[in-house]
Structure formats: structure tokens, C-alpha cells
N, C-alpha and C. Protein backbone atom coordinates (compact mmCIF):
# COMPACT_ATOMS: atom_id res chain seq x y z
N MET A 1 133.10 -67.11 76.13
CA MET A 1 132.55 -67.93 77.17
C MET A 1 131.05 -68.12 76.93
N SER A 2 130.61 -69.35 76.96
CA SER A 2 129.19 -69.61 76.72
C SER A 2 128.39 -69.41 78.00
N LYS A 3 127.14 -69.05 77.81
CA LYS A 3 126.23 -68.85 78.93
C LYS A 3 125.43 -70.13 79.12
N ILE A 4 125.62 -70.75 80.29
CA ILE A 4 124.96 -72.01 80.60
C ILE A 4 124.01 -71.79 81.77
N ALA A 5 122.75 -72.20 81.58
CA ALA A 5 121.75 -72.12 82.65
C ALA A 5 121.49 -73.51 83.19
N LEU A 6 121.26 -73.57 84.49
CA LEU A 6 120.89 -74.82 85.14
C LEU A 6 119.47 -74.66 85.66
N PHE A 7 118.60 -75.58 85.27
CA PHE A 7 117.22 -75.58 85.75
C PHE A 7 117.02 -76.89 86.51
N PRO A 8 117.21 -76.87 87.84
CA PRO A 8 117.08 -78.08 88.63
C PRO A 8 115.65 -78.30 89.12
N GLY A 9 115.31 -79.55 89.36
CA GLY A 9 114.01 -79.86 89.91
C GLY A 9 113.79 -81.36 89.93
N SER A 10 112.63 -81.75 90.46
CA SER A 10 112.28 -83.17 90.44
C SER A 10 111.47 -83.50 89.19
N PHE A 11 110.77 -82.50 88.65
CA PHE A 11 109.97 -82.66 87.42
C PHE A 11 109.06 -83.88 87.53
N ASP A 12 108.30 -83.90 88.60
CA ASP A 12 107.45 -85.05 88.95
C ASP A 12 105.98 -84.66 88.95
N PRO A 13 105.40 -84.41 87.78
CA PRO A 13 105.91 -84.51 86.42
C PRO A 13 106.38 -83.15 85.89
N LEU A 14 106.86 -83.16 84.65
CA LEU A 14 107.18 -81.94 83.91
C LEU A 14 105.85 -81.22 83.66
N THR A 15 105.77 -79.95 84.04
CA THR A 15 104.50 -79.22 83.92
C THR A 15 104.57 -78.12 82.86
N ASN A 16 103.43 -77.55 82.56
CA ASN A 16 103.39 -76.41 81.63
C ASN A 16 104.20 -75.24 82.17
N GLY A 17 104.25 -75.08 83.47
CA GLY A 17 105.06 -74.02 84.07
C GLY A 17 106.55 -74.24 83.80
N HIS A 18 107.01 -75.49 83.96
CA HIS A 18 108.40 -75.83 83.63
C HIS A 18 108.69 -75.52 82.16
N LEU A 19 107.78 -75.96 81.30
CA LEU A 19 107.96 -75.74 79.85
C LEU A 19 108.04 -74.25 79.53
N ASP A 20 107.22 -73.45 80.18
CA ASP A 20 107.21 -72.01 79.94
C ASP A 20 108.55 -71.39 80.33
N ILE A 21 109.06 -71.76 81.49
CA ILE A 21 110.35 -71.21 81.95
C ILE A 21 111.47 -71.60 80.98
N ILE A 22 111.51 -72.86 80.60
CA ILE A 22 112.57 -73.33 79.69
C ILE A 22 112.47 -72.65 78.33
N THR A 23 111.27 -72.55 77.80
CA THR A 23 111.06 -71.92 76.49
C THR A 23 111.47 -70.45 76.52
N ARG A 24 111.15 -69.75 77.58
CA ARG A 24 111.51 -68.33 77.70
C ARG A 24 113.02 -68.15 77.86
N ALA A 25 113.69 -69.15 78.46
CA ALA A 25 115.13 -69.05 78.68
C ALA A 25 115.95 -69.39 77.44
N LEU A 26 115.38 -70.11 76.49
CA LEU A 26 116.14 -70.55 75.31
C LEU A 26 116.88 -69.42 74.59
N PRO A 27 116.25 -68.27 74.32
CA PRO A 27 117.00 -67.23 73.61
C PRO A 27 118.07 -66.53 74.47
N LEU A 28 118.05 -66.76 75.77
CA LEU A 28 118.97 -66.06 76.67
C LEU A 28 120.27 -66.81 76.93
N PHE A 29 120.28 -68.12 76.67
CA PHE A 29 121.44 -68.95 77.02
C PHE A 29 121.90 -69.79 75.84
N ASP A 30 123.18 -70.16 75.88
CA ASP A 30 123.74 -71.05 74.86
C ASP A 30 123.37 -72.51 75.12
N LYS A 31 123.20 -72.82 76.40
CA LYS A 31 122.83 -74.19 76.78
C LYS A 31 122.01 -74.12 78.06
N ILE A 32 120.99 -74.97 78.14
CA ILE A 32 120.19 -75.09 79.35
C ILE A 32 120.27 -76.55 79.80
N ILE A 33 120.73 -76.74 81.02
CA ILE A 33 120.78 -78.09 81.58
C ILE A 33 119.55 -78.27 82.45
N VAL A 34 118.67 -79.17 82.03
CA VAL A 34 117.52 -79.54 82.84
C VAL A 34 118.01 -80.69 83.73
N ALA A 35 118.17 -80.39 85.01
CA ALA A 35 118.80 -81.33 85.94
C ALA A 35 117.77 -81.93 86.87
N VAL A 36 117.58 -83.22 86.74
CA VAL A 36 116.62 -83.93 87.57
C VAL A 36 117.35 -84.41 88.83
N GLY A 37 116.94 -83.86 89.96
CA GLY A 37 117.57 -84.23 91.22
C GLY A 37 117.08 -85.57 91.73
N GLU A 38 118.00 -86.34 92.28
CA GLU A 38 117.67 -87.63 92.88
C GLU A 38 117.80 -87.49 94.39
N ASN A 39 116.72 -87.79 95.10
CA ASN A 39 116.70 -87.70 96.55
C ASN A 39 116.10 -88.99 97.08
N ALA A 40 116.90 -89.81 97.74
CA ALA A 40 116.46 -91.12 98.22
C ALA A 40 115.37 -91.01 99.29
N THR A 41 115.29 -89.88 99.96
CA THR A 41 114.30 -89.75 101.03
C THR A 41 112.96 -89.20 100.55
N LYS A 42 112.90 -88.77 99.31
CA LYS A 42 111.67 -88.19 98.77
C LYS A 42 110.84 -89.26 98.07
N LYS A 43 109.54 -89.19 98.23
CA LYS A 43 108.62 -90.10 97.55
C LYS A 43 108.16 -89.41 96.26
N TYR A 44 108.36 -90.09 95.14
CA TYR A 44 107.99 -89.53 93.84
C TYR A 44 106.74 -90.20 93.31
N MET A 45 105.98 -89.47 92.53
CA MET A 45 104.80 -90.02 91.88
C MET A 45 105.22 -90.90 90.70
N PHE A 46 106.26 -90.47 89.96
CA PHE A 46 106.74 -91.20 88.79
C PHE A 46 108.22 -91.52 88.98
N ASP A 47 108.65 -92.69 88.47
CA ASP A 47 110.06 -93.07 88.67
C ASP A 47 110.98 -92.22 87.78
N LEU A 48 112.25 -92.22 88.13
CA LEU A 48 113.24 -91.37 87.47
C LEU A 48 113.31 -91.62 85.97
N GLU A 49 113.34 -92.87 85.56
CA GLU A 49 113.46 -93.18 84.13
C GLU A 49 112.30 -92.62 83.33
N LEU A 50 111.09 -92.70 83.88
CA LEU A 50 109.92 -92.16 83.17
C LEU A 50 109.99 -90.64 83.07
N ARG A 51 110.40 -89.98 84.15
CA ARG A 51 110.54 -88.51 84.12
C ARG A 51 111.60 -88.09 83.11
N LEU A 52 112.73 -88.79 83.07
CA LEU A 52 113.77 -88.49 82.08
C LEU A 52 113.26 -88.69 80.66
N HIS A 53 112.53 -89.77 80.45
CA HIS A 53 111.97 -90.07 79.12
C HIS A 53 111.06 -88.93 78.66
N TRP A 54 110.18 -88.48 79.54
CA TRP A 54 109.26 -87.39 79.18
C TRP A 54 110.01 -86.12 78.81
N ILE A 55 111.02 -85.78 79.59
CA ILE A 55 111.79 -84.56 79.32
C ILE A 55 112.54 -84.69 78.00
N LYS A 56 113.18 -85.84 77.79
CA LYS A 56 113.93 -86.06 76.54
C LYS A 56 113.00 -85.99 75.33
N GLN A 57 111.84 -86.57 75.41
CA GLN A 57 110.90 -86.54 74.29
C GLN A 57 110.38 -85.13 74.05
N THR A 58 110.16 -84.39 75.09
CA THR A 58 109.65 -83.02 74.96
C THR A 58 110.64 -82.12 74.24
N PHE A 59 111.94 -82.31 74.51
CA PHE A 59 112.97 -81.44 73.94
C PHE A 59 113.85 -82.17 72.93
N LEU A 60 113.32 -83.18 72.30
CA LEU A 60 114.05 -84.02 71.36
C LEU A 60 114.74 -83.21 70.26
N HIS A 61 114.09 -82.17 69.78
CA HIS A 61 114.61 -81.41 68.64
C HIS A 61 115.17 -80.05 69.05
N GLU A 62 115.54 -79.91 70.31
CA GLU A 62 116.11 -78.65 70.79
C GLU A 62 117.56 -78.89 71.21
N PRO A 63 118.52 -78.54 70.36
CA PRO A 63 119.93 -78.85 70.64
C PRO A 63 120.52 -78.08 71.82
N LYS A 64 119.89 -77.00 72.25
CA LYS A 64 120.41 -76.23 73.37
C LYS A 64 120.08 -76.86 74.73
N ILE A 65 119.20 -77.84 74.74
CA ILE A 65 118.76 -78.47 75.99
C ILE A 65 119.55 -79.74 76.23
N GLU A 66 120.11 -79.84 77.44
CA GLU A 66 120.79 -81.05 77.89
C GLU A 66 120.06 -81.55 79.12
N ILE A 67 119.81 -82.85 79.21
CA ILE A 67 119.13 -83.43 80.35
C ILE A 67 120.16 -84.21 81.16
N ALA A 68 120.13 -84.00 82.48
CA ALA A 68 121.08 -84.67 83.37
C ALA A 68 120.39 -85.04 84.67
N THR A 69 121.00 -85.95 85.40
CA THR A 69 120.55 -86.26 86.74
C THR A 69 121.70 -85.96 87.71
N TYR A 70 121.33 -85.69 88.94
CA TYR A 70 122.36 -85.43 89.95
C TYR A 70 121.81 -85.76 91.33
N SER A 71 122.71 -86.01 92.24
CA SER A 71 122.34 -86.14 93.65
C SER A 71 123.30 -85.27 94.44
N GLY A 72 122.93 -84.94 95.63
CA GLY A 72 123.76 -84.05 96.43
C GLY A 72 123.29 -82.61 96.28
N LEU A 73 124.19 -81.70 96.59
CA LEU A 73 123.85 -80.28 96.56
C LEU A 73 123.79 -79.74 95.13
N THR A 74 122.78 -78.95 94.87
CA THR A 74 122.62 -78.34 93.54
C THR A 74 123.80 -77.44 93.22
N VAL A 75 124.29 -76.70 94.20
CA VAL A 75 125.41 -75.79 93.96
C VAL A 75 126.65 -76.55 93.52
N ASP A 76 126.89 -77.74 94.07
CA ASP A 76 128.04 -78.55 93.66
C ASP A 76 127.89 -79.00 92.21
N PHE A 77 126.68 -79.41 91.83
CA PHE A 77 126.42 -79.83 90.46
C PHE A 77 126.59 -78.64 89.49
N ALA A 78 126.10 -77.48 89.89
CA ALA A 78 126.21 -76.27 89.05
C ALA A 78 127.68 -75.92 88.82
N GLN A 79 128.47 -75.98 89.85
CA GLN A 79 129.90 -75.68 89.70
C GLN A 79 130.58 -76.68 88.79
N LYS A 80 130.24 -77.96 88.94
CA LYS A 80 130.81 -79.01 88.09
C LYS A 80 130.49 -78.78 86.62
N GLU A 81 129.29 -78.29 86.35
CA GLU A 81 128.82 -78.08 84.97
C GLU A 81 129.20 -76.70 84.42
N GLY A 82 129.72 -75.84 85.27
CA GLY A 82 130.07 -74.49 84.81
C GLY A 82 128.87 -73.60 84.58
N ALA A 83 127.80 -73.88 85.28
CA ALA A 83 126.57 -73.11 85.11
C ALA A 83 126.46 -72.02 86.18
């Protein structure tokens, strides 16, 4: 059974703190899902596509990182992904 971590957030923007957490988690898990939550009632500084682009470019050469978006409850998304 593979170990899958879910790191949810708005990543508005992706910060050095986010990068540090993800980098430290890499040796601990087989896959890390960076999940960008969509919330229609929240005001974002940057639009979703730009935030996804930044995350994808940052982890372009890291095969253990998967980028996803979700709406609704984080726990429901985690169960769906097996994380």
C-alpha cells in the first residue's frame, strides 16, 4: 500500500513555507497531492489558473507531486484520493 499525503490550501500565493513543508514531506510519502481548494465565497489575490501554473512550474521535475483542484469538504476529497 502506498503512502499518499494530501496538502490542501488556497496557495494564494505558494509561499516559502508551503515549499518547505512539501520538500520535507517528499522522503516520507510515495505521493503528495497538492490540492488547491476552490471556494466561491472567498476573494483571492490571484486566479486559480495562475496559482495552478505556479505550483506546476515549481514541481515540474518532481514525479511524486500531483496537483489537483477540489471544492467541497477536504475530508471528502481525501477519501476519494485515498490519502
